[in-house]
PDB file of all heavy atoms in Angstrom:
ATOM      1  N   LEU A   1      14.630   1.659   6.280  1.00  0.00           N
ATOM      2  CA  LEU A   1      15.324   2.915   5.995  1.00  0.00           C
ATOM      3  C   LEU A   1      14.691   3.896   7.139  1.00  0.00           C
ATOM      4  O   LEU A   1      13.662   4.104   7.212  1.00  0.00           O
ATOM      5  CB  LEU A   1      15.014   3.526   4.633  1.00  0.00           C
ATOM      6  CG  LEU A   1      15.653   4.895   4.243  1.00  0.00           C
ATOM      7  CD1 LEU A   1      17.178   4.751   4.240  1.00  0.00           C
ATOM      8  CD2 LEU A   1      15.050   5.347   2.921  1.00  0.00           C
ATOM      9  N   THR A   2      15.789   4.505   7.753  1.00  0.00           N
ATOM     10  CA  THR A   2      15.504   5.589   8.774  1.00  0.00           C
ATOM     11  C   THR A   2      16.110   6.929   8.258  1.00  0.00           C
ATOM     12  O   THR A   2      17.386   6.952   8.159  1.00  0.00           O
ATOM     13  CB  THR A   2      15.983   5.242  10.183  1.00  0.00           C
ATOM     14  OG1 THR A   2      15.444   3.946  10.632  1.00  0.00           O
ATOM     15  CG2 THR A   2      15.547   6.294  11.207  1.00  0.00           C
ATOM     16  N   SER A   3      15.217   7.862   8.036  1.00  0.00           N
ATOM     17  CA  SER A   3      15.688   9.130   7.625  1.00  0.00           C
ATOM     18  C   SER A   3      16.180  10.048   8.736  1.00  0.00           C
ATOM     19  O   SER A   3      15.573   9.897   9.946  1.00  0.00           O
ATOM     20  CB  SER A   3      14.635   9.925   6.882  1.00  0.00           C
ATOM     21  OG  SER A   3      14.232   9.301   5.697  1.00  0.00           O
ATOM     22  N   PRO A   4      17.084  10.852   8.578  1.00  0.00           N
ATOM     23  CA  PRO A   4      17.515  11.818   9.769  1.00  0.00           C
ATOM     24  C   PRO A   4      16.443  12.878   9.911  1.00  0.00           C
ATOM     25  O   PRO A   4      15.589  13.227   9.134  1.00  0.00           O
ATOM     26  CB  PRO A   4      18.776  12.533   9.181  1.00  0.00           C
ATOM     27  CG  PRO A   4      18.647  12.485   7.671  1.00  0.00           C
ATOM     28  CD  PRO A   4      17.767  11.171   7.353  1.00  0.00           C
ATOM     29  N   PRO A   5      16.555  13.551  11.158  1.00  0.00           N
ATOM     30  CA  PRO A   5      15.483  14.503  11.451  1.00  0.00           C
ATOM     31  C   PRO A   5      15.605  15.691  10.408  1.00  0.00           C
ATOM     32  O   PRO A   5      16.751  16.206  10.033  1.00  0.00           O
ATOM     33  CB  PRO A   5      15.892  15.096  12.794  1.00  0.00           C
ATOM     34  CG  PRO A   5      16.669  13.820  13.431  1.00  0.00           C
ATOM     35  CD  PRO A   5      17.406  13.243  12.287  1.00  0.00           C
ATOM     36  N   GLY A   6      14.484  16.295   9.924  1.00  0.00           N
ATOM     37  CA  GLY A   6      14.411  17.363   9.053  1.00  0.00           C
ATOM     38  C   GLY A   6      14.600  16.935   7.634  1.00  0.00           C
ATOM     39  O   GLY A   6      14.466  17.846   6.693  1.00  0.00           O
ATOM     40  N   THR A   7      14.908  15.737   7.274  1.00  0.00           N
ATOM     41  CA  THR A   7      14.989  15.287   5.862  1.00  0.00           C
ATOM     42  C   THR A   7      14.129  14.072   5.691  1.00  0.00           C
ATOM     43  O   THR A   7      14.231  13.181   6.435  1.00  0.00           O
ATOM     44  CB  THR A   7      16.576  15.098   5.399  1.00  0.00           C
ATOM     45  OG1 THR A   7      17.271  16.240   5.860  1.00  0.00           O
ATOM     46  CG2 THR A   7      16.704  14.916   4.045  1.00  0.00           C
ATOM     47  N   ASN A   8      13.664  13.802   4.420  1.00  0.00           N
ATOM     48  CA  ASN A   8      12.825  12.646   4.216  1.00  0.00           C
ATOM     49  C   ASN A   8      13.333  11.982   2.968  1.00  0.00           C
ATOM     50  O   ASN A   8      13.599  12.437   1.969  1.00  0.00           O
ATOM     51  CB  ASN A   8      11.431  13.013   4.022  1.00  0.00           C
ATOM     52  CG  ASN A   8      10.513  11.712   3.766  1.00  0.00           C
ATOM     53  OD1 ASN A   8      10.856  10.804   4.228  1.00  0.00           O
ATOM     54  ND2 ASN A   8       9.488  11.962   2.897  1.00  0.00           N
ATOM     55  N   PHE A   9      13.719  10.628   3.106  1.00  0.00           N
ATOM     56  CA  PHE A   9      14.076   9.789   2.051  1.00  0.00           C
ATOM     57  C   PHE A   9      13.139   8.634   1.992  1.00  0.00           C
ATOM     58  O   PHE A   9      12.438   8.279   2.945  1.00  0.00           O
ATOM     59  CB  PHE A   9      15.464   9.205   2.412  1.00  0.00           C
ATOM     60  CG  PHE A   9      16.573  10.156   2.367  1.00  0.00           C
ATOM     61  CD1 PHE A   9      16.934  10.879   3.392  1.00  0.00           C
ATOM     62  CD2 PHE A   9      17.270  10.462   1.011  1.00  0.00           C
ATOM     63  CE1 PHE A   9      17.963  11.773   3.391  1.00  0.00           C
ATOM     64  CE2 PHE A   9      18.233  11.348   1.031  1.00  0.00           C
ATOM     65  CZ  PHE A   9      18.655  12.051   2.239  1.00  0.00           C
ATOM     66  N   ASP A  10      12.909   8.158   0.717  1.00  0.00           N
ATOM     67  CA  ASP A  10      11.968   7.124   0.504  1.00  0.00           C
ATOM     68  C   ASP A  10      12.753   5.844  -0.022  1.00  0.00           C
ATOM     69  O   ASP A  10      13.829   5.947  -0.508  1.00  0.00           O
ATOM     70  CB  ASP A  10      10.872   7.329  -0.503  1.00  0.00           C
ATOM     71  CG  ASP A  10       9.844   8.324   0.114  1.00  0.00           C
ATOM     72  OD1 ASP A  10       9.626   8.345   1.416  1.00  0.00           O
ATOM     73  OD2 ASP A  10       9.088   9.042  -0.634  1.00  0.00           O
ATOM     74  N   LEU A  11      12.128   4.698   0.036  1.00  0.00           N
ATOM     75  CA  LEU A  11      12.708   3.480  -0.200  1.00  0.00           C
ATOM     76  C   LEU A  11      11.949   2.563  -1.343  1.00  0.00           C
ATOM     77  O   LEU A  11      10.836   2.557  -1.383  1.00  0.00           O
ATOM     78  CB  LEU A  11      12.712   2.569   0.982  1.00  0.00           C
ATOM     79  CG  LEU A  11      13.432   1.151   1.075  1.00  0.00           C
ATOM     80  CD1 LEU A  11      14.876   1.283   0.821  1.00  0.00           C
ATOM     81  CD2 LEU A  11      13.072   0.453   2.353  1.00  0.00           C
ATOM     82  N   PHE A  12      12.888   2.135  -2.334  1.00  0.00           N
ATOM     83  CA  PHE A  12      12.229   1.573  -3.510  1.00  0.00           C
ATOM     84  C   PHE A  12      13.142   0.274  -3.810  1.00  0.00           C
ATOM     85  O   PHE A  12      14.308   0.259  -3.769  1.00  0.00           O
ATOM     86  CB  PHE A  12      12.399   2.421  -4.737  1.00  0.00           C
ATOM     87  CG  PHE A  12      11.482   3.611  -4.596  1.00  0.00           C
ATOM     88  CD1 PHE A  12      12.054   4.735  -4.094  1.00  0.00           C
ATOM     89  CD2 PHE A  12      10.208   3.775  -4.952  1.00  0.00           C
ATOM     90  CE1 PHE A  12      11.368   5.943  -3.887  1.00  0.00           C
ATOM     91  CE2 PHE A  12       9.390   4.878  -4.858  1.00  0.00           C
ATOM     92  CZ  PHE A  12      10.004   5.935  -4.389  1.00  0.00           C
ATOM     93  N   LEU A  13      12.391  -0.838  -4.018  1.00  0.00           N
ATOM     94  CA  LEU A  13      13.027  -2.075  -4.335  1.00  0.00           C
ATOM     95  C   LEU A  13      12.746  -2.537  -5.753  1.00  0.00           C
ATOM     96  O   LEU A  13      11.470  -2.492  -6.219  1.00  0.00           O
ATOM     97  CB  LEU A  13      12.546  -3.265  -3.361  1.00  0.00           C
ATOM     98  CG  LEU A  13      12.870  -2.985  -1.828  1.00  0.00           C
ATOM     99  CD1 LEU A  13      12.293  -4.164  -1.098  1.00  0.00           C
ATOM    100  CD2 LEU A  13      14.187  -2.641  -1.581  1.00  0.00           C
ATOM    101  N   TYR A  14      13.729  -3.200  -6.506  1.00  0.00           N
ATOM    102  CA  TYR A  14      13.524  -3.630  -7.857  1.00  0.00           C
ATOM    103  C   TYR A  14      13.977  -5.142  -7.869  1.00  0.00           C
ATOM    104  O   TYR A  14      15.208  -5.463  -7.681  1.00  0.00           O
ATOM    105  CB  TYR A  14      14.280  -2.792  -8.833  1.00  0.00           C
ATOM    106  CG  TYR A  14      13.968  -1.371  -8.794  1.00  0.00           C
ATOM    107  CD1 TYR A  14      14.664  -0.583  -7.759  1.00  0.00           C
ATOM    108  CD2 TYR A  14      13.192  -0.724  -9.574  1.00  0.00           C
ATOM    109  CE1 TYR A  14      14.327   0.859  -7.806  1.00  0.00           C
ATOM    110  CE2 TYR A  14      12.941   0.631  -9.696  1.00  0.00           C
ATOM    111  CZ  TYR A  14      13.468   1.371  -8.655  1.00  0.00           C
ATOM    112  OH  TYR A  14      13.239   2.715  -8.592  1.00  0.00           O
ATOM    113  N   LEU A  15      13.092  -6.048  -8.293  1.00  0.00           N
ATOM    114  CA  LEU A  15      13.295  -7.528  -8.279  1.00  0.00           C
ATOM    115  C   LEU A  15      13.350  -7.897  -9.788  1.00  0.00           C
ATOM    116  O   LEU A  15      12.319  -7.819 -10.485  1.00  0.00           O
ATOM    117  CB  LEU A  15      12.257  -8.327  -7.550  1.00  0.00           C
ATOM    118  CG  LEU A  15      12.355  -9.803  -7.534  1.00  0.00           C
ATOM    119  CD1 LEU A  15      13.614 -10.182  -6.702  1.00  0.00           C
ATOM    120  CD2 LEU A  15      11.136 -10.410  -6.848  1.00  0.00           C
ATOM    121  N   PRO A  16      14.411  -8.492 -10.315  1.00  0.00           N
ATOM    122  CA  PRO A  16      14.516  -8.993 -11.738  1.00  0.00           C
ATOM    123  C   PRO A  16      13.648 -10.295 -11.826  1.00  0.00           C
ATOM    124  O   PRO A  16      13.442 -10.977 -10.821  1.00  0.00           O
ATOM    125  CB  PRO A  16      15.974  -9.123 -11.911  1.00  0.00           C
ATOM    126  CG  PRO A  16      16.494  -9.476 -10.496  1.00  0.00           C
ATOM    127  CD  PRO A  16      15.743  -8.664  -9.593  1.00  0.00           C
ATOM    128  N   GLY A  17      13.427 -10.632 -12.976  1.00  0.00           N
ATOM    129  CA  GLY A  17      12.689 -11.802 -13.333  1.00  0.00           C
ATOM    130  C   GLY A  17      13.397 -13.132 -13.302  1.00  0.00           C
ATOM    131  O   GLY A  17      12.848 -14.179 -13.144  1.00  0.00           O
ATOM    132  N   GLY A  18      14.737 -12.992 -13.487  1.00  0.00           N
ATOM    133  CA  GLY A  18      15.562 -14.236 -13.562  1.00  0.00           C
ATOM    134  C   GLY A  18      16.793 -14.142 -12.657  1.00  0.00           C
ATOM    135  O   GLY A  18      16.985 -13.135 -11.944  1.00  0.00           O
ATOM    136  N   SER A  19      17.499 -15.241 -12.422  1.00  0.00           N
ATOM    137  CA  SER A  19      18.537 -15.334 -11.537  1.00  0.00           C
ATOM    138  C   SER A  19      19.776 -14.493 -11.896  1.00  0.00           C
ATOM    139  O   SER A  19      20.608 -14.231 -11.044  1.00  0.00           O
ATOM    140  CB  SER A  19      18.990 -16.837 -11.296  1.00  0.00           C
ATOM    141  OG  SER A  19      19.389 -17.343 -12.621  1.00  0.00           O
ATOM    142  N   SER A  20      19.838 -14.091 -13.160  1.00  0.00           N
ATOM    143  CA  SER A  20      20.928 -13.262 -13.629  1.00  0.00           C
ATOM    144  C   SER A  20      20.369 -11.883 -13.945  1.00  0.00           C
ATOM    145  O   SER A  20      19.213 -11.782 -14.327  1.00  0.00           O
ATOM    146  CB  SER A  20      21.630 -13.893 -14.745  1.00  0.00           C
ATOM    147  OG  SER A  20      20.836 -14.012 -15.910  1.00  0.00           O
ATOM    148  N   GLY A  21      21.215 -10.893 -14.102  1.00  0.00           N
ATOM    149  CA  GLY A  21      20.818  -9.463 -14.450  1.00  0.00           C
ATOM    150  C   GLY A  21      20.357  -8.730 -13.122  1.00  0.00           C
ATOM    151  O   GLY A  21      20.206  -9.187 -12.108  1.00  0.00           O
ATOM    152  N   GLN A  22      19.938  -7.546 -13.463  1.00  0.00           N
ATOM    153  CA  GLN A  22      19.554  -6.606 -12.507  1.00  0.00           C
ATOM    154  C   GLN A  22      18.542  -5.720 -13.082  1.00  0.00           C
ATOM    155  O   GLN A  22      18.421  -5.378 -14.276  1.00  0.00           O
ATOM    156  CB  GLN A  22      20.730  -5.609 -12.120  1.00  0.00           C
ATOM    157  CG  GLN A  22      20.494  -4.598 -11.168  1.00  0.00           C
ATOM    158  CD  GLN A  22      21.623  -3.570 -10.820  1.00  0.00           C
ATOM    159  OE1 GLN A  22      22.653  -3.795 -11.455  1.00  0.00           O
ATOM    160  NE2 GLN A  22      21.376  -2.622 -10.018  1.00  0.00           N
ATOM    161  N   SER A  23      17.436  -5.373 -12.228  1.00  0.00           N
ATOM    162  CA  SER A  23      16.275  -4.632 -12.773  1.00  0.00           C
ATOM    163  C   SER A  23      16.415  -3.049 -12.211  1.00  0.00           C
ATOM    164  O   SER A  23      16.814  -2.817 -11.129  1.00  0.00           O
ATOM    165  CB  SER A  23      15.014  -5.029 -12.257  1.00  0.00           C
ATOM    166  OG  SER A  23      13.935  -4.220 -12.613  1.00  0.00           O
ATOM    167  N   CYS A  24      16.276  -2.024 -13.174  1.00  0.00           N
ATOM    168  CA  CYS A  24      16.457  -0.761 -12.895  1.00  0.00           C
ATOM    169  C   CYS A  24      15.182   0.095 -13.129  1.00  0.00           C
ATOM    170  O   CYS A  24      15.049   1.261 -13.067  1.00  0.00           O
ATOM    171  CB  CYS A  24      17.502  -0.048 -13.637  1.00  0.00           C
ATOM    172  SG  CYS A  24      19.208  -0.552 -13.190  1.00  0.00           S
ATOM    173  N   SER A  25      14.118  -0.648 -13.528  1.00  0.00           N
ATOM    174  CA  SER A  25      12.748  -0.076 -13.778  1.00  0.00           C
ATOM    175  C   SER A  25      11.618  -1.040 -13.318  1.00  0.00           C
ATOM    176  O   SER A  25      11.884  -2.311 -13.149  1.00  0.00           O
ATOM    177  CB  SER A  25      12.608   0.225 -15.308  1.00  0.00           C
ATOM    178  OG  SER A  25      12.611  -0.953 -16.027  1.00  0.00           O
ATOM    179  N   GLY A  26      10.480  -0.453 -13.105  1.00  0.00           N
ATOM    180  CA  GLY A  26       9.401  -1.320 -12.608  1.00  0.00           C
ATOM    181  C   GLY A  26       9.549  -1.594 -11.080  1.00  0.00           C
ATOM    182  O   GLY A  26      10.112  -2.696 -10.789  1.00  0.00           O
ATOM    183  N   VAL A  27       9.259  -0.582 -10.328  1.00  0.00           N
ATOM    184  CA  VAL A  27       9.326  -0.805  -8.725  1.00  0.00           C
ATOM    185  C   VAL A  27       8.530  -2.103  -8.351  1.00  0.00           C
ATOM    186  O   VAL A  27       7.291  -2.207  -8.652  1.00  0.00           O
ATOM    187  CB  VAL A  27       8.839   0.409  -8.034  1.00  0.00           C
ATOM    188  CG1 VAL A  27       8.939   0.150  -6.695  1.00  0.00           C
ATOM    189  CG2 VAL A  27       9.690   1.629  -8.592  1.00  0.00           C
ATOM    190  N   SER A  28       9.208  -2.989  -7.626  1.00  0.00           N
ATOM    191  CA  SER A  28       8.589  -4.198  -7.210  1.00  0.00           C
ATOM    192  C   SER A  28       7.784  -3.903  -5.791  1.00  0.00           C
ATOM    193  O   SER A  28       6.724  -4.333  -5.507  1.00  0.00           O
ATOM    194  CB  SER A  28       9.566  -5.337  -7.017  1.00  0.00           C
ATOM    195  OG  SER A  28      10.116  -5.602  -8.176  1.00  0.00           O
ATOM    196  N   GLN A  29       8.612  -3.178  -4.929  1.00  0.00           N
ATOM    197  CA  GLN A  29       7.905  -2.715  -3.537  1.00  0.00           C
ATOM    198  C   GLN A  29       8.558  -1.342  -3.198  1.00  0.00           C
ATOM    199  O   GLN A  29       9.698  -1.002  -3.615  1.00  0.00           O
ATOM    200  CB  GLN A  29       8.229  -3.794  -2.490  1.00  0.00           C
ATOM    201  CG  GLN A  29       7.552  -5.067  -2.692  1.00  0.00           C
ATOM    202  CD  GLN A  29       5.999  -5.001  -2.435  1.00  0.00           C
ATOM    203  OE1 GLN A  29       5.555  -4.148  -1.728  1.00  0.00           O
ATOM    204  NE2 GLN A  29       5.320  -5.803  -3.054  1.00  0.00           N
ATOM    205  N   SER A  30       7.770  -0.609  -2.505  1.00  0.00           N
ATOM    206  CA  SER A  30       8.354   0.762  -2.049  1.00  0.00           C
ATOM    207  C   SER A  30       7.699   1.175  -0.696  1.00  0.00           C
ATOM    208  O   SER A  30       6.732   0.548  -0.314  1.00  0.00           O
ATOM    209  CB  SER A  30       7.998   1.695  -3.038  1.00  0.00           C
ATOM    210  OG  SER A  30       6.642   1.830  -3.247  1.00  0.00           O
TER     211      SER A  30
END
């Protein structure tokens, strides 16, 4: 992720435990 000049954004990844579904909590990497 590259933020524009004058503004800062951060990056967060969420990895689910199984092949189905999606994770929205418990950040895996950031």
